[in-house]
Amino acid sequence: MRAAHLMGIGGPEMLEIRHDVPVPRAGPGDVVVRVGACGLNNSDINTRVGWYSRSIHTATEESGYKDADLGDVGWSRKGLSFPRIQGSDVVGVVVEAGEGVSAALMGRRVMVDPCLRDRRRPDDLDLAGYLGSERDGGFAEYCAVPSENAYPISTDLPDVELAAFPCSWSTAEHMLQLANLQAGETVAVPGASGGVGSAAVQLAKLRGARVVAIAGASKLDQVRELGADHVVVRQAGGVPQEAVEANRGRFHVVADVVGGEDFGGWLEALRRGGRYVTSGAIAGPIVDLDLRTLYLKDLTLHGATVYHPRVFADLVGHIETGAVRAIVGGAYLLSDIHAAQQDFLTKRHVGKLVITL
């Protein structure tokens, strides 16, 4: 089969398009999915360049970190084995079912939950992994996944749109569930034009919250169309305070995937008892925290990565009812995956970039 093999840590040249990769077989409890499309995520770039390593302290770079500690470059902060097939946003049709799997899944169109859990201890977060990092993913014609991660879905959305949902939208849903965002509350969404941010805007509005979204000047109209009550231009310095002014008061929740130098400002932008939730740090992972702000304002900080299966089930429900819509910023053939990853890093798009098979 055709697949994009990641051969090691580095730039786009570490991705090799192969035509002789064996088709995976379904082991006990697994299914094989014929992939129709697979979304591209920050995690694909971060894994390729080694950014998850604790030895790296800066924002994501295209060339890769030659000095990254290979012992913790994976999504789970463990080492990776190469070659690895990346791609966590798998949408397709089940073509093989392993031992112990219901035959009813055969031929079903599925969307795959990328969060991999230990079957014997599914609640043990330390045993979790991620599709495309700890296990081969969807940048290939076929992908083997645990059957419990393959969710049959009834929707008229084409594969290219459906593949924009799994990683980003489950992350955003998880963030808002952790923060316990309620109707009538206010939330700030830095990075609102990206996959997670654009999902968070829609999911927050679905909850009846008031949303202030932050995005680049060229993307404001598109972000506003997602339902944001106010949009603030992303710029160097002062953004959290501008968001507070647009909101006419401090926020109940900040849902942040940007991090970097604005981190302290976002804590100041929270009202007493506010909740800050993060699942990314594209502007930089090392931040300053004034503990006085944390305890004097009774704030709660949440990190959001591994989620309960109900999060993905809730997302499937939102899609099937038509309550949310995917934003696809571009579609690429598997053979163009190098260009797709380079375009992804420019951040000129709104929503998700998707690889079609």
Protein backbone atom coordinates (compact mmCIF):
# COMPACT_ATOMS: atom_id res chain seq x y z
CA MET A 1 0.00 0.00 0.00
CA ARG A 2 0.97 3.66 -0.25
CA ALA A 3 2.02 5.33 2.98
CA ALA A 4 4.06 8.26 4.27
CA HIS A 5 6.88 6.85 6.39
CA LEU A 6 8.45 9.12 9.01
CA MET A 7 12.07 7.95 9.09
CA GLY A 8 13.29 10.00 12.04
CA ILE A 9 13.40 13.43 13.67
CA GLY A 10 13.98 16.39 11.35
CA GLY A 11 12.52 18.43 8.51
CA PRO A 12 9.99 17.40 5.83
CA GLU A 13 12.68 15.33 4.13
CA MET A 14 12.21 12.76 6.91
CA LEU A 15 8.84 11.85 5.36
CA GLU A 16 9.14 9.26 2.57
CA ILE A 17 6.24 8.28 0.30
CA ARG A 18 6.42 4.50 -0.11
CA HIS A 19 4.38 2.22 -2.38
CA ASP A 20 5.52 -1.11 -0.92
CA VAL A 21 4.31 -0.91 2.67
CA PRO A 22 2.50 -4.08 3.81
CA VAL A 23 -1.22 -3.68 4.45
CA PRO A 24 -1.79 -4.06 8.21
CA ARG A 25 -3.81 -7.00 9.46
CA ALA A 26 -6.43 -6.87 12.18
CA GLY A 27 -5.18 -8.39 15.41
CA PRO A 28 -7.52 -9.56 18.17
CA GLY A 29 -9.94 -6.77 19.02
CA ASP A 30 -8.80 -4.62 16.09
CA VAL A 31 -10.24 -3.54 12.77
CA VAL A 32 -8.56 -2.41 9.55
CA VAL A 33 -9.91 0.78 8.02
CA ARG A 34 -9.54 1.70 4.36
CA VAL A 35 -8.64 5.35 4.82
CA GLY A 36 -10.61 7.95 2.88
CA ALA A 37 -9.01 11.03 4.41
CA CYS A 38 -6.84 11.99 7.36
CA GLY A 39 -6.46 15.43 8.92
CA LEU A 40 -3.15 17.13 9.66
CA ASN A 41 -2.43 18.34 13.19
CA ASN A 42 0.15 20.18 15.25
CA SER A 43 1.00 16.82 16.80
CA ASP A 44 2.22 15.55 13.41
CA ILE A 45 4.65 18.45 13.13
CA ASN A 46 5.63 18.32 16.80
CA THR A 47 6.43 14.62 16.62
CA ARG A 48 8.40 14.92 13.39
CA VAL A 49 10.59 17.75 14.68
CA GLY A 50 10.99 16.32 18.19
CA TRP A 51 9.24 19.25 19.91
CA TYR A 52 7.62 17.18 22.66
CA SER A 53 11.02 16.43 24.18
CA ARG A 54 11.61 18.07 27.56
CA SER A 55 14.94 19.27 26.19
CA ILE A 56 13.14 21.71 23.83
CA HIS A 57 12.05 25.09 25.22
CA THR A 58 11.03 27.07 22.12
CA ALA A 59 8.13 27.30 19.67
CA THR A 60 7.81 24.73 16.90
CA GLU A 61 10.42 25.01 14.14
CA GLU A 62 10.26 23.53 10.67
CA SER A 63 13.78 22.10 10.48
CA GLY A 64 13.57 19.86 13.53
CA TYR A 65 15.57 19.84 16.71
CA LYS A 66 18.85 18.07 16.17
CA ASP A 67 19.56 18.15 19.90
CA ALA A 68 16.20 16.72 20.99
CA ASP A 69 16.39 13.84 23.44
CA LEU A 70 15.13 10.89 21.39
CA GLY A 71 14.00 9.16 24.57
CA ASP A 72 10.97 11.44 25.02
CA VAL A 73 10.06 12.84 21.60
CA GLY A 74 6.74 11.02 21.31
CA TRP A 75 3.30 12.37 22.12
CA SER A 76 3.34 10.33 25.34
CA ARG A 77 6.78 11.69 26.27
CA LYS A 78 8.39 8.37 25.39
CA GLY A 79 10.67 7.38 22.55
CA LEU A 80 9.38 6.54 19.07
CA SER A 81 10.18 3.64 16.79
CA PHE A 82 10.86 4.38 13.12
CA PRO A 83 9.62 4.16 10.48
CA ARG A 84 6.32 5.48 11.80
CA ILE A 85 3.15 6.29 9.85
CA GLN A 86 1.69 9.51 11.26
CA GLY A 87 -1.87 10.79 11.01
CA SER A 88 -4.41 10.75 13.84
CA ASP A 89 -7.59 11.95 12.07
CA VAL A 90 -8.73 8.75 10.36
CA VAL A 91 -12.01 8.48 8.47
CA GLY A 92 -12.84 5.51 6.27
CA VAL A 93 -14.55 2.13 5.92
CA VAL A 94 -13.91 -1.03 7.95
CA VAL A 95 -12.60 -3.77 5.64
CA GLU A 96 -11.35 -6.35 8.15
CA ALA A 97 -12.38 -7.31 11.67
CA GLY A 98 -10.10 -9.20 14.04
CA GLU A 99 -10.90 -11.95 16.49
CA GLY A 100 -13.58 -10.95 18.98
CA VAL A 101 -14.88 -8.02 16.93
CA SER A 102 -18.54 -7.82 15.93
CA ALA A 103 -19.10 -8.56 12.25
CA ALA A 104 -21.58 -5.67 12.28
CA LEU A 105 -18.63 -3.28 11.92
CA MET A 106 -17.67 -4.71 8.52
CA GLY A 107 -18.36 -2.24 5.74
CA ARG A 108 -19.33 0.53 8.15
CA ARG A 109 -18.11 4.07 7.66
CA VAL A 110 -16.23 5.09 10.79
CA MET A 111 -14.48 8.03 12.40
CA VAL A 112 -11.58 6.93 14.59
CA ASP A 113 -10.96 8.18 18.12
CA PRO A 114 -7.18 8.88 18.09
CA CYS A 115 -6.76 8.48 21.86
CA LEU A 116 -5.43 4.96 22.50
CA ARG A 117 -6.21 3.40 25.88
CA ASP A 118 -5.05 0.18 27.50
CA ARG A 119 -7.87 -2.35 27.21
CA ARG A 120 -7.18 -3.81 30.65
CA ARG A 121 -6.79 -0.45 32.40
CA PRO A 122 -8.55 2.17 30.23
CA ASP A 123 -8.64 4.73 33.06
CA ASP A 124 -4.87 4.64 33.63
CA LEU A 125 -3.70 7.84 31.92
CA ASP A 126 -0.06 6.75 32.06
CA LEU A 127 -0.83 3.90 29.65
CA ALA A 128 -2.47 6.09 27.00
CA GLY A 129 -1.01 6.65 23.56
CA TYR A 130 -1.97 8.42 20.36
CA LEU A 131 -2.66 7.23 16.86
CA GLY A 132 0.17 8.27 14.56
CA SER A 133 2.65 8.48 17.42
CA GLU A 134 2.63 5.33 19.55
CA ARG A 135 0.87 3.38 16.78
CA ASP A 136 0.82 3.74 12.98
CA GLY A 137 -1.84 6.18 11.83
CA GLY A 138 -3.76 7.30 8.78
CA PHE A 139 -1.28 8.77 6.31
CA ALA A 140 -1.67 5.50 4.45
CA GLU A 141 -4.25 3.63 2.40
CA TYR A 142 -5.07 1.32 5.33
CA CYS A 143 -4.84 1.67 9.09
CA ALA A 144 -5.36 -0.88 11.89
CA VAL A 145 -7.02 0.49 15.04
CA PRO A 146 -8.69 -0.89 18.18
CA SER A 147 -12.31 -1.68 17.36
CA GLU A 148 -13.52 0.35 20.34
CA ASN A 149 -11.91 3.43 18.74
CA ALA A 150 -13.81 3.00 15.45
CA TYR A 151 -17.10 4.90 15.78
CA PRO A 152 -19.74 4.23 13.10
CA ILE A 153 -21.12 7.57 11.99
CA SER A 154 -24.19 8.60 10.02
CA THR A 155 -23.63 11.84 8.15
CA ASP A 156 -23.68 13.15 4.60
CA LEU A 157 -20.40 14.99 5.14
CA PRO A 158 -17.66 13.88 2.71
CA ASP A 159 -14.53 12.23 4.08
CA VAL A 160 -12.44 15.36 3.60
CA GLU A 161 -14.72 17.32 5.94
CA LEU A 162 -15.25 14.53 8.44
CA ALA A 163 -11.47 14.09 8.77
CA ALA A 164 -11.24 17.64 10.12
CA PHE A 165 -12.98 16.56 13.33
CA PRO A 166 -11.27 13.77 15.34
CA CYS A 167 -8.18 15.29 16.97
CA SER A 168 -8.97 19.00 17.08
CA TRP A 169 -12.61 18.70 17.99
CA SER A 170 -12.16 16.02 20.64
CA THR A 171 -9.41 18.18 22.14
CA ALA A 172 -11.66 21.25 22.18
CA GLU A 173 -14.60 19.29 23.61
CA HIS A 174 -12.32 17.85 26.30
CA MET A 175 -11.01 21.32 27.17
CA LEU A 176 -14.49 22.76 27.62
CA GLN A 177 -15.68 19.76 29.61
CA LEU A 178 -12.68 20.04 31.94
CA ALA A 179 -13.29 23.76 32.38
CA ASN A 180 -16.99 23.04 32.98
CA LEU A 181 -18.03 25.92 30.72
CA GLN A 182 -21.68 26.76 31.34
CA ALA A 183 -24.40 28.67 29.52
CA GLY A 184 -24.14 32.38 30.19
CA GLU A 185 -20.43 32.25 31.04
CA THR A 186 -17.68 33.99 29.06
CA VAL A 187 -14.69 32.33 27.40
CA ALA A 188 -11.63 33.68 25.60
CA VAL A 189 -10.19 31.56 22.78
CA PRO A 190 -6.64 32.50 21.72
CA GLY A 191 -5.69 30.87 18.41
CA ALA A 192 -9.32 30.79 17.29
CA SER A 193 -8.52 30.29 13.60
CA GLY A 194 -6.76 26.95 14.08
CA GLY A 195 -8.27 23.49 14.26
CA VAL A 196 -8.75 23.38 18.03
CA GLY A 197 -9.57 27.07 18.35
CA SER A 198 -12.22 27.10 15.62
CA ALA A 199 -13.77 24.01 17.22
CA ALA A 200 -13.72 25.63 20.67
CA VAL A 201 -15.57 28.69 19.36
CA GLN A 202 -18.40 26.56 17.96
CA LEU A 203 -18.58 24.19 20.92
CA ALA A 204 -18.63 27.09 23.38
CA LYS A 205 -21.51 28.73 21.49
CA LEU A 206 -23.30 25.37 21.46
CA ARG A 207 -23.14 25.52 25.26
CA GLY A 208 -24.66 29.00 25.31
CA ALA A 209 -21.45 30.79 26.32
CA ARG A 210 -20.26 34.24 25.25
CA VAL A 211 -17.08 33.92 23.14
CA VAL A 212 -14.25 36.37 22.51
CA ALA A 213 -11.98 34.93 19.82
CA ILE A 214 -8.41 35.98 19.01
CA ALA A 215 -7.05 35.55 15.47
CA GLY A 216 -4.87 37.17 12.83
CA ALA A 217 -6.20 40.25 11.07
CA SER A 218 -6.76 38.41 7.77
CA LYS A 219 -8.91 35.74 9.47
CA LEU A 220 -11.28 37.82 11.56
CA ASP A 221 -14.28 37.58 9.22
CA GLN A 222 -14.02 33.78 9.00
CA VAL A 223 -13.72 33.45 12.77
CA ARG A 224 -16.69 35.77 13.26
CA GLU A 225 -18.73 33.51 10.96
CA LEU A 226 -18.10 30.65 13.40
CA GLY A 227 -20.27 32.47 15.90
CA ALA A 228 -17.80 34.43 18.04
CA ASP A 229 -19.45 37.37 19.81
CA HIS A 230 -16.30 39.47 19.52
CA VAL A 231 -13.01 39.03 17.67
CA VAL A 232 -9.69 40.57 18.69
CA VAL A 233 -6.67 40.91 16.41
CA ARG A 234 -3.68 38.82 17.43
CA GLN A 235 -0.61 40.99 17.89
CA ALA A 236 2.49 41.27 20.04
CA GLY A 237 1.57 42.28 23.58
CA GLY A 238 -1.65 43.51 25.15
CA VAL A 239 -4.03 40.96 23.63
CA PRO A 240 -5.48 39.64 26.92
CA GLN A 241 -6.35 43.15 28.09
CA GLU A 242 -7.96 43.97 24.73
CA ALA A 243 -10.02 40.81 25.04
CA VAL A 244 -11.18 41.86 28.53
CA GLU A 245 -12.21 45.25 27.14
CA ALA A 246 -14.12 43.61 24.28
CA ASN A 247 -15.85 41.36 26.79
CA ARG A 248 -16.54 44.28 29.15
CA GLY A 249 -15.16 42.25 32.01
CA ARG A 250 -12.92 39.35 32.92
CA PHE A 251 -13.58 35.80 31.77
CA HIS A 252 -14.87 32.69 33.46
CA VAL A 253 -12.71 30.51 31.18
CA VAL A 254 -9.67 30.85 28.92
CA ALA A 255 -9.26 27.95 26.44
CA ASP A 256 -5.69 28.34 25.15
CA VAL A 257 -3.55 26.42 22.66
CA VAL A 258 -1.09 29.27 22.07
CA GLY A 259 0.85 29.73 25.32
CA GLY A 260 3.99 31.84 25.03
CA GLU A 261 4.39 35.34 26.43
CA ASP A 262 0.65 36.00 26.83
CA PHE A 263 0.19 33.23 29.41
CA GLY A 264 0.47 35.53 32.43
CA GLY A 265 -1.84 38.06 30.81
CA TRP A 266 -4.52 35.43 30.31
CA LEU A 267 -4.41 34.51 33.99
CA GLU A 268 -4.91 38.18 34.81
CA ALA A 269 -7.83 38.22 32.35
CA LEU A 270 -9.69 35.61 34.41
CA ARG A 271 -12.17 36.63 37.08
CA ARG A 272 -11.85 35.25 40.62
CA GLY A 273 -12.46 31.51 40.52
CA GLY A 274 -11.78 31.41 36.78
CA ARG A 275 -10.51 28.36 34.89
CA TYR A 276 -7.58 28.26 32.47
CA VAL A 277 -7.36 25.19 30.25
CA THR A 278 -4.57 24.44 27.78
CA SER A 279 -3.81 21.80 25.20
CA GLY A 280 -1.01 23.40 23.23
CA ALA A 281 1.84 25.88 23.22
CA ILE A 282 2.51 26.86 19.62
CA ALA A 283 4.00 30.20 20.71
CA GLY A 284 6.30 28.54 23.24
CA PRO A 285 5.99 26.01 26.09
CA ILE A 286 8.05 27.73 28.79
CA VAL A 287 6.07 30.48 30.53
CA ASP A 288 6.25 32.65 33.66
CA LEU A 289 3.72 31.98 36.40
CA ASP A 290 3.18 34.41 39.27
CA LEU A 291 1.87 32.12 41.99
CA ARG A 292 0.24 35.08 43.70
CA THR A 293 -2.10 35.48 40.72
CA LEU A 294 -2.96 31.80 40.93
CA TYR A 295 -3.83 31.66 44.62
CA LEU A 296 -5.06 35.18 45.29
CA LYS A 297 -7.62 34.84 42.47
CA ASP A 298 -8.54 31.22 43.36
CA LEU A 299 -7.80 30.11 39.79
CA THR A 300 -7.85 26.56 38.46
CA LEU A 301 -5.41 25.38 35.77
CA HIS A 302 -6.22 22.37 33.58
CA GLY A 303 -4.05 20.47 31.14
CA ALA A 304 -6.10 18.64 28.50
CA THR A 305 -4.77 15.67 26.56
CA VAL A 306 -6.09 12.21 27.46
CA TYR A 307 -9.88 12.15 27.62
CA HIS A 308 -12.67 9.75 28.55
CA PRO A 309 -14.35 7.94 25.61
CA ARG A 310 -17.57 9.86 26.31
CA VAL A 311 -15.86 12.99 24.93
CA PHE A 312 -15.54 11.40 21.49
CA ALA A 313 -19.03 9.93 21.70
CA ASP A 314 -20.38 13.42 22.45
CA LEU A 315 -18.50 14.77 19.42
CA VAL A 316 -20.01 12.11 17.14
CA GLY A 317 -23.43 13.13 18.41
CA HIS A 318 -22.80 16.80 17.62
CA ILE A 319 -21.74 15.87 14.07
CA GLU A 320 -24.69 13.58 13.41
CA THR A 321 -27.20 16.21 14.51
CA GLY A 322 -25.54 18.87 12.33
CA ALA A 323 -24.90 21.09 15.35
CA VAL A 324 -21.31 21.82 14.27
CA ARG A 325 -19.48 22.22 10.99
CA ALA A 326 -15.93 21.45 9.97
CA ILE A 327 -13.68 24.14 8.55
CA VAL A 328 -11.33 22.74 5.89
CA GLY A 329 -8.58 25.17 4.96
CA GLY A 330 -7.11 22.95 2.25
CA ALA A 331 -6.95 19.38 0.92
CA TYR A 332 -3.83 17.59 -0.36
CA LEU A 333 -3.00 14.26 -1.93
CA LEU A 334 -0.80 11.92 0.10
CA SER A 335 1.99 12.57 -2.40
CA ASP A 336 1.85 16.25 -1.44
CA ILE A 337 2.21 15.72 2.30
CA HIS A 338 5.48 17.68 2.40
CA ALA A 339 3.76 20.76 0.98
CA ALA A 340 0.83 20.22 3.34
CA GLN A 341 3.06 20.24 6.41
CA GLN A 342 4.97 23.29 5.19
CA ASP A 343 1.70 25.14 4.51
CA PHE A 344 0.42 24.09 7.93
CA LEU A 345 3.34 25.84 9.61
CA THR A 346 2.63 29.15 7.86
CA LYS A 347 -0.72 29.31 9.72
CA ARG A 348 -2.35 31.17 6.81
CA HIS A 349 -5.35 28.84 6.80
CA VAL A 350 -8.46 28.73 8.96
CA GLY A 351 -9.54 25.36 10.35
CA LYS A 352 -7.85 22.14 9.24
CA LEU A 353 -5.69 20.87 6.40
CA VAL A 354 -6.59 17.36 5.25
CA ILE A 355 -4.77 14.58 3.37
CA THR A 356 -6.96 12.61 0.96
CA LEU A 357 -6.27 9.01 -0.03
